[in-house]
Protein backbone atom coordinates (compact mmCIF):
# COMPACT_ATOMS: atom_id res chain seq x y z
CA MET A 1 -24.57 2.66 83.44
CA THR A 2 -21.94 1.44 81.00
CA ASP A 3 -21.10 -2.27 81.23
CA SER A 4 -17.65 -2.32 82.86
CA LYS A 5 -16.71 -5.38 80.80
CA LYS A 6 -17.38 -3.74 77.48
CA SER A 7 -16.11 -0.39 76.24
CA PRO A 8 -18.83 1.93 74.97
CA ARG A 9 -18.58 2.40 71.20
CA VAL A 10 -18.76 6.05 70.23
CA ALA A 11 -19.11 7.65 66.81
CA VAL A 12 -17.23 10.92 66.30
CA LEU A 13 -18.62 12.84 63.34
CA LEU A 14 -16.04 15.07 61.64
CA ALA A 15 -16.45 17.73 58.93
CA GLY A 16 -12.95 17.97 57.45
CA CYS A 17 -9.75 19.35 58.95
CA GLY A 18 -9.27 23.00 59.91
CA HIS A 19 -11.51 25.29 61.90
CA LEU A 20 -12.37 27.67 59.03
CA ASP A 21 -13.57 25.03 56.57
CA GLY A 22 -13.68 21.69 58.40
CA ALA A 23 -13.49 20.26 61.90
CA GLU A 24 -11.82 22.36 64.61
CA ILE A 25 -8.66 20.29 65.07
CA ARG A 26 -8.13 21.08 68.74
CA GLU A 27 -11.73 20.26 69.60
CA ALA A 28 -11.58 17.03 67.60
CA VAL A 29 -8.32 15.87 69.19
CA LEU A 30 -9.45 16.83 72.70
CA THR A 31 -12.68 14.91 72.14
CA LEU A 32 -10.70 11.84 71.09
CA LEU A 33 -8.39 12.27 74.09
CA ALA A 34 -11.30 12.52 76.54
CA LEU A 35 -12.96 9.46 75.03
CA ASP A 36 -9.71 7.53 75.29
CA GLN A 37 -9.26 8.58 78.93
CA HIS A 38 -12.73 7.24 79.67
CA GLY A 39 -12.02 3.93 77.94
CA ALA A 40 -14.39 4.35 75.00
CA ALA A 41 -13.92 2.61 71.65
CA VAL A 42 -14.01 5.32 68.99
CA GLN A 43 -14.89 5.40 65.31
CA CYS A 44 -14.34 8.66 63.40
CA ILE A 45 -16.85 9.20 60.61
CA ALA A 46 -17.21 11.76 57.81
CA PRO A 47 -19.19 12.13 54.58
CA ASN A 48 -17.28 11.14 51.45
CA ALA A 49 -18.09 14.43 49.73
CA PRO A 50 -16.47 17.79 48.90
CA GLN A 51 -16.21 20.58 51.44
CA PHE A 52 -18.18 23.73 50.70
CA HIS A 53 -14.86 25.48 50.04
CA VAL A 54 -11.21 25.53 51.06
CA VAL A 55 -9.87 28.35 53.25
CA ASN A 56 -6.26 29.49 53.55
CA HIS A 57 -5.68 29.31 57.30
CA ILE A 58 -3.00 32.01 57.12
CA SER A 59 -5.11 34.68 55.42
CA GLY A 60 -8.56 33.38 56.32
CA GLU A 61 -9.62 33.76 52.70
CA PRO A 62 -11.19 31.10 50.45
CA VAL A 63 -8.84 29.55 47.88
CA ALA A 64 -10.33 29.94 44.40
CA GLY A 65 -10.74 26.64 42.57
CA ALA A 66 -9.44 24.48 45.45
CA VAL A 67 -11.38 21.33 46.29
CA ARG A 68 -11.00 19.05 49.31
CA ASN A 69 -12.92 15.97 50.38
CA MET A 70 -14.36 15.75 53.91
CA LEU A 71 -13.49 12.08 54.38
CA GLU A 72 -9.92 12.56 53.15
CA GLU A 73 -9.41 15.66 55.28
CA SER A 74 -10.98 14.09 58.39
CA SER A 75 -8.55 11.20 57.96
CA ARG A 76 -5.75 13.67 58.75
CA ILE A 77 -7.19 13.76 62.28
CA SER A 78 -8.30 10.15 62.68
CA ARG A 79 -5.10 8.82 61.01
CA MET A 80 -4.88 7.08 57.65
CA GLY A 81 -7.61 4.58 56.92
CA LYS A 82 -9.35 5.03 60.27
CA CYS A 83 -12.18 7.35 59.25
CA LEU A 84 -15.38 5.61 58.13
CA ASP A 85 -17.45 6.86 55.21
CA LEU A 86 -20.75 8.10 56.63
CA ALA A 87 -22.55 6.11 53.94
CA HIS A 88 -21.41 2.93 55.70
CA ALA A 89 -22.08 4.05 59.29
CA ARG A 90 -25.05 2.55 61.14
CA VAL A 91 -26.55 4.03 64.29
CA GLN A 92 -27.11 0.54 65.70
CA ASP A 93 -23.35 -0.05 65.77
CA PHE A 94 -22.76 2.75 68.29
CA ASP A 95 -23.76 3.64 71.83
CA ALA A 96 -23.33 7.41 71.50
CA LEU A 97 -22.43 10.24 69.11
CA LEU A 98 -19.95 13.09 69.65
CA MET A 99 -19.66 16.04 67.26
CA PRO A 100 -16.72 18.47 67.53
CA GLY A 101 -17.21 21.92 66.08
CA GLY A 102 -15.46 24.00 63.45
CA TYR A 103 -16.97 25.97 60.58
CA GLY A 104 -17.16 22.75 58.58
CA VAL A 105 -20.14 21.76 60.71
CA ALA A 106 -21.91 24.97 59.68
CA LYS A 107 -20.67 24.94 56.06
CA ASN A 108 -20.35 21.27 55.08
CA HIS A 109 -22.81 19.37 57.29
CA CYS A 110 -25.37 22.14 56.99
CA SER A 111 -25.62 25.68 55.61
CA PHE A 112 -26.10 27.50 58.94
CA ALA A 113 -23.00 29.66 58.30
CA PHE A 114 -24.67 31.13 55.22
CA LYS A 115 -28.42 30.84 55.76
CA GLY A 116 -28.86 30.88 59.52
CA THR A 117 -32.29 29.61 60.54
CA ASP A 118 -33.18 28.93 56.88
CA ALA A 119 -30.31 26.47 56.58
CA GLU A 120 -30.59 22.91 55.28
CA VAL A 121 -28.82 19.89 56.74
CA ARG A 122 -27.13 17.30 54.53
CA PRO A 123 -29.66 14.45 54.33
CA ASP A 124 -27.12 11.78 55.31
CA VAL A 125 -25.95 13.82 58.31
CA ALA A 126 -29.54 14.56 59.35
CA ALA A 127 -30.52 10.89 59.13
CA PHE A 128 -27.51 9.78 61.16
CA LEU A 129 -28.03 12.39 63.88
CA GLN A 130 -31.78 11.89 64.10
CA GLY A 131 -31.18 8.14 64.32
CA PHE A 132 -29.42 8.59 67.67
CA PHE A 133 -32.29 10.62 69.08
CA ALA A 134 -34.83 8.11 67.76
CA ALA A 135 -32.88 5.29 69.44
CA ASN A 136 -32.62 7.27 72.71
CA LYS A 137 -28.83 7.21 72.48
CA PRO A 138 -26.81 10.12 73.93
CA VAL A 139 -25.39 12.88 71.76
CA GLY A 140 -22.64 15.36 72.61
CA ALA A 141 -22.38 18.54 70.53
CA ILE A 142 -19.40 20.88 70.84
CA CYS A 143 -18.92 24.52 69.79
CA ILE A 144 -21.13 25.26 66.74
CA ALA A 145 -22.39 21.66 66.47
CA PRO A 146 -25.49 22.41 68.61
CA ALA A 147 -26.68 24.58 65.71
CA LEU A 148 -26.69 21.45 63.56
CA VAL A 149 -28.66 19.67 66.28
CA ALA A 150 -31.10 22.58 66.44
CA LEU A 151 -31.75 22.43 62.70
CA ALA A 152 -32.27 18.67 62.78
CA LEU A 153 -34.63 18.84 65.77
CA HIS A 154 -36.54 21.76 64.28
CA ALA A 155 -37.05 19.80 61.05
CA SER A 156 -38.65 17.00 63.04
CA GLY A 157 -40.78 19.35 65.13
CA ASP A 158 -38.75 18.80 68.28
CA SER A 159 -36.81 21.03 70.68
CA ALA A 160 -34.14 20.65 73.35
CA ALA A 161 -32.05 22.66 75.80
CA MET A 162 -28.60 23.56 74.47
CA THR A 163 -25.82 26.14 74.55
CA LEU A 164 -23.42 27.79 72.12
CA GLY A 165 -21.85 30.11 74.68
CA ASN A 166 -23.23 33.63 75.08
CA ASP A 167 -23.41 35.02 71.53
CA ALA A 168 -26.64 37.00 71.28
CA GLY A 169 -27.08 36.43 67.54
CA VAL A 170 -26.68 32.68 67.80
CA ALA A 171 -28.96 32.62 70.84
CA ALA A 172 -31.65 34.43 68.85
CA ALA A 173 -31.29 31.97 65.99
CA MET A 174 -31.65 28.99 68.31
CA THR A 175 -34.74 30.51 69.89
CA GLN A 176 -36.19 31.16 66.44
CA LEU A 177 -35.65 27.46 65.70
CA GLY A 178 -37.74 26.66 68.77
CA GLN A 179 -34.86 25.46 70.94
CA HIS A 180 -34.39 26.19 74.65
CA TYR A 181 -31.16 28.18 74.54
CA GLN A 182 -29.05 28.58 77.67
CA SER A 183 -26.16 31.06 77.77
CA THR A 184 -22.97 30.00 79.53
CA PRO A 185 -20.19 32.23 80.90
CA GLY A 186 -17.27 30.23 79.54
CA SER A 187 -15.95 27.14 77.79
CA ARG A 188 -15.81 24.97 80.89
CA GLU A 189 -19.61 24.72 81.08
CA VAL A 190 -22.05 22.12 79.77
CA VAL A 191 -25.82 22.12 79.31
CA ILE A 192 -27.68 18.83 79.58
CA ASP A 193 -31.10 18.03 78.17
CA GLU A 194 -32.07 14.83 79.98
CA ALA A 195 -35.08 14.03 77.82
CA HIS A 196 -32.92 13.89 74.68
CA LYS A 197 -29.71 12.73 76.38
CA LEU A 198 -28.11 15.76 74.70
CA VAL A 199 -24.99 17.37 76.17
CA THR A 200 -23.59 20.61 74.72
CA THR A 201 -20.50 22.70 75.51
CA PRO A 202 -19.34 25.94 73.85
CA ALA A 203 -15.57 25.33 73.46
CA TYR A 204 -14.22 27.82 70.86
CA MET A 205 -17.50 29.67 70.57
CA PHE A 206 -15.40 31.71 73.01
CA ASP A 207 -12.60 32.57 70.57
CA ASP A 208 -10.11 33.55 73.27
CA ALA A 209 -10.80 30.58 75.56
CA PRO A 210 -7.66 28.99 77.06
CA LEU A 211 -7.04 25.50 75.75
CA ARG A 212 -7.34 24.15 79.31
CA ASP A 213 -10.87 25.55 79.58
CA VAL A 214 -11.85 24.14 76.19
CA PHE A 215 -10.61 20.72 77.30
CA ALA A 216 -12.38 21.00 80.65
CA GLY A 217 -15.71 21.58 78.88
CA ILE A 218 -15.13 18.85 76.32
CA GLU A 219 -14.09 16.34 78.98
CA ARG A 220 -17.23 17.16 80.97
CA CYS A 221 -19.33 16.78 77.83
CA VAL A 222 -17.77 13.39 77.07
CA ALA A 223 -18.16 12.19 80.66
CA GLU A 224 -21.83 13.20 80.78
CA VAL A 225 -22.54 11.54 77.43
CA LEU A 226 -20.94 8.28 78.56
CA LYS A 227 -22.91 8.34 81.83
CA ARG A 228 -26.12 8.24 79.81
CA ILE A 229 -25.35 5.14 77.77
């Protein structure tokens, strides 16, 4: 149980700003809200590196020649000066890790959006994530973020139970990576792997999910992560 006299310190790993090329803003803000409601001390973190590309969120098309930095863009969510460069983040400074989704997770933190099960994970992201598992500290992964977890676990010869909703293609990919995939009927659900202290929730893997359902799942994910500190 969390020491009532000390707020748990939680890292929130972001991948930019905008669901098509960075962090899903709604998921990120709802994660921060849920953590605040539970009294956690939060540190947003992002790599100080370029995004894979920049997408026009009106047309959905990549913007030729445009370049944006993940740390700078994530600071739009965390507020100016409050997002830590991943290069300076240490697992030992935190009690838990939360990862909102968005295509940036699958494009910037890894290449799952383009290579599927053959994807690579950024070495700094992989080391940070794997550090939490090695330290037996809880991890919450939202929306597409469990795919990042799957790649990192697969690389270390490990497997866990997780969900990304009920998409058959994603489910097949997770199974191919040796993970124990569990389908869920909606965004309010969570899947918990006790051995890894891993909590996953699908959020906008259901594109038409009501915001209230997305928040319900994220709040449950946050609550279950904090219970395991």
